[in-house]
């Protein structure tokens, strides 16, 4: 294939893409809003994960204190 053939194929491909644009065209505003929604979901996920770990560590600390108090009170 020479350069002229490649150019002819590229031009024909561009014409076909423009003609069939509606088949795979993504509306720019909807695409932008989808990305904002995904960013919001990721932010919510990170916040939930952070809250989970804070609660888990807090419960572990409280549980350790309760076990220590039980041990101290049982030893008396």
C-alpha atoms as a PDB file:
ATOM      1  CA  UNK A   1       0.000   0.000   0.000  1.00  0.00           C
ATOM      2  CA  UNK A   2       1.416   3.370  -0.925  1.00  0.00           C
ATOM      3  CA  UNK A   3       0.693   6.771   0.613  1.00  0.00           C
ATOM      4  CA  UNK A   4      -2.061   7.551  -1.889  1.00  0.00           C
ATOM      5  CA  UNK A   5      -3.897   4.331  -0.962  1.00  0.00           C
ATOM      6  CA  UNK A   6      -3.560   5.079   2.743  1.00  0.00           C
ATOM      7  CA  UNK A   7      -4.922   8.591   2.209  1.00  0.00           C
ATOM      8  CA  UNK A   8      -7.845   7.236   0.182  1.00  0.00           C
ATOM      9  CA  UNK A   9      -8.715   4.723   2.902  1.00  0.00           C
ATOM     10  CA  UNK A  10      -8.422   7.407   5.595  1.00  0.00           C
ATOM     11  CA  UNK A  11     -10.691   9.799   3.668  1.00  0.00           C
ATOM     12  CA  UNK A  12     -13.284   7.081   3.082  1.00  0.00           C
ATOM     13  CA  UNK A  13     -13.125   6.098   6.745  1.00  0.00           C
ATOM     14  CA  UNK A  14     -13.673   9.722   7.811  1.00  0.00           C
ATOM     15  CA  UNK A  15     -16.701   9.964   5.528  1.00  0.00           C
ATOM     16  CA  UNK A  16     -18.168   6.738   6.936  1.00  0.00           C
ATOM     17  CA  UNK A  17     -17.550   7.865  10.506  1.00  0.00           C
ATOM     18  CA  UNK A  18     -19.335  11.165   9.875  1.00  0.00           C
ATOM     19  CA  UNK A  19     -22.276   9.396   8.216  1.00  0.00           C
ATOM     20  CA  UNK A  20     -22.627   6.880  11.069  1.00  0.00           C
ATOM     21  CA  UNK A  21     -21.724   9.302  13.824  1.00  0.00           C
ATOM     22  CA  UNK A  22     -25.001   8.815  15.668  1.00  0.00           C
ATOM     23  CA  UNK A  23     -24.256   5.121  16.187  1.00  0.00           C
ATOM     24  CA  UNK A  24     -21.442   5.762  18.644  1.00  0.00           C
ATOM     25  CA  UNK A  25     -21.556   9.495  19.318  1.00  0.00           C
ATOM     26  CA  UNK A  26     -21.408  10.437  22.987  1.00  0.00           C
ATOM     27  CA  UNK A  27     -23.094  13.692  23.858  1.00  0.00           C
ATOM     28  CA  UNK A  28     -20.363  15.860  25.424  1.00  0.00           C
ATOM     29  CA  UNK A  29     -22.521  17.281  28.219  1.00  0.00           C
ATOM     30  CA  UNK A  30     -23.827  13.848  29.218  1.00  0.00           C
ATOM     31  CA  UNK A  31     -20.298  12.464  29.104  1.00  0.00           C
ATOM     32  CA  UNK A  32     -19.100  15.277  31.390  1.00  0.00           C
ATOM     33  CA  UNK A  33     -21.978  14.686  33.806  1.00  0.00           C
ATOM     34  CA  UNK A  34     -21.202  10.958  33.863  1.00  0.00           C
ATOM     35  CA  UNK A  35     -17.630  11.740  34.889  1.00  0.00           C
ATOM     36  CA  UNK A  36     -18.894  14.045  37.633  1.00  0.00           C
ATOM     37  CA  UNK A  37     -21.190  11.271  38.887  1.00  0.00           C
ATOM     38  CA  UNK A  38     -18.323   8.786  38.874  1.00  0.00           C
ATOM     39  CA  UNK A  39     -16.124  11.272  40.740  1.00  0.00           C
ATOM     40  CA  UNK A  40     -18.912  11.682  43.295  1.00  0.00           C
ATOM     41  CA  UNK A  41     -19.187   7.906  43.724  1.00  0.00           C
ATOM     42  CA  UNK A  42     -15.442   7.607  44.226  1.00  0.00           C
ATOM     43  CA  UNK A  43     -15.517  10.406  46.792  1.00  0.00           C
ATOM     44  CA  UNK A  44     -18.387   8.710  48.649  1.00  0.00           C
ATOM     45  CA  UNK A  45     -16.517   5.390  48.584  1.00  0.00           C
ATOM     46  CA  UNK A  46     -13.383   6.982  50.059  1.00  0.00           C
ATOM     47  CA  UNK A  47     -15.416   8.694  52.776  1.00  0.00           C
ATOM     48  CA  UNK A  48     -17.190   5.421  53.660  1.00  0.00           C
ATOM     49  CA  UNK A  49     -13.894   3.530  53.719  1.00  0.00           C
ATOM     50  CA  UNK A  50     -12.358   6.169  55.981  1.00  0.00           C
ATOM     51  CA  UNK A  51     -15.371   6.069  58.304  1.00  0.00           C
ATOM     52  CA  UNK A  52     -15.246   2.249  58.416  1.00  0.00           C
ATOM     53  CA  UNK A  53     -11.587   2.201  59.454  1.00  0.00           C
ATOM     54  CA  UNK A  54     -12.106   4.900  62.082  1.00  0.00           C
ATOM     55  CA  UNK A  55     -15.035   2.952  63.549  1.00  0.00           C
ATOM     56  CA  UNK A  56     -13.101  -0.342  63.415  1.00  0.00           C
ATOM     57  CA  UNK A  57     -10.056   1.091  65.179  1.00  0.00           C
ATOM     58  CA  UNK A  58     -12.264   2.901  67.698  1.00  0.00           C
ATOM     59  CA  UNK A  59     -14.153  -0.296  68.490  1.00  0.00           C
ATOM     60  CA  UNK A  60     -10.874  -2.201  68.824  1.00  0.00           C
ATOM     61  CA  UNK A  61      -9.579   0.371  71.306  1.00  0.00           C
ATOM     62  CA  UNK A  62     -12.830   0.367  73.289  1.00  0.00           C
ATOM     63  CA  UNK A  63     -12.874  -3.447  73.228  1.00  0.00           C
ATOM     64  CA  UNK A  64      -9.304  -3.544  74.523  1.00  0.00           C
ATOM     65  CA  UNK A  65     -10.178  -1.162  77.333  1.00  0.00           C
ATOM     66  CA  UNK A  66     -13.239  -3.201  78.271  1.00  0.00           C
ATOM     67  CA  UNK A  67     -11.194  -6.409  78.333  1.00  0.00           C
ATOM     68  CA  UNK A  68      -8.545  -4.676  80.468  1.00  0.00           C
ATOM     69  CA  UNK A  69     -11.209  -3.465  82.907  1.00  0.00           C
ATOM     70  CA  UNK A  70     -12.720  -6.940  83.085  1.00  0.00           C
ATOM     71  CA  UNK A  71      -9.296  -8.396  83.769  1.00  0.00           C
ATOM     72  CA  UNK A  72      -8.504  -5.821  86.444  1.00  0.00           C
ATOM     73  CA  UNK A  73     -11.881  -6.192  88.166  1.00  0.00           C
ATOM     74  CA  UNK A  74     -11.709 -10.014  88.070  1.00  0.00           C
ATOM     75  CA  UNK A  75      -8.216  -9.959  89.572  1.00  0.00           C
ATOM     76  CA  UNK A  76      -9.319  -8.019  92.693  1.00  0.00           C
END
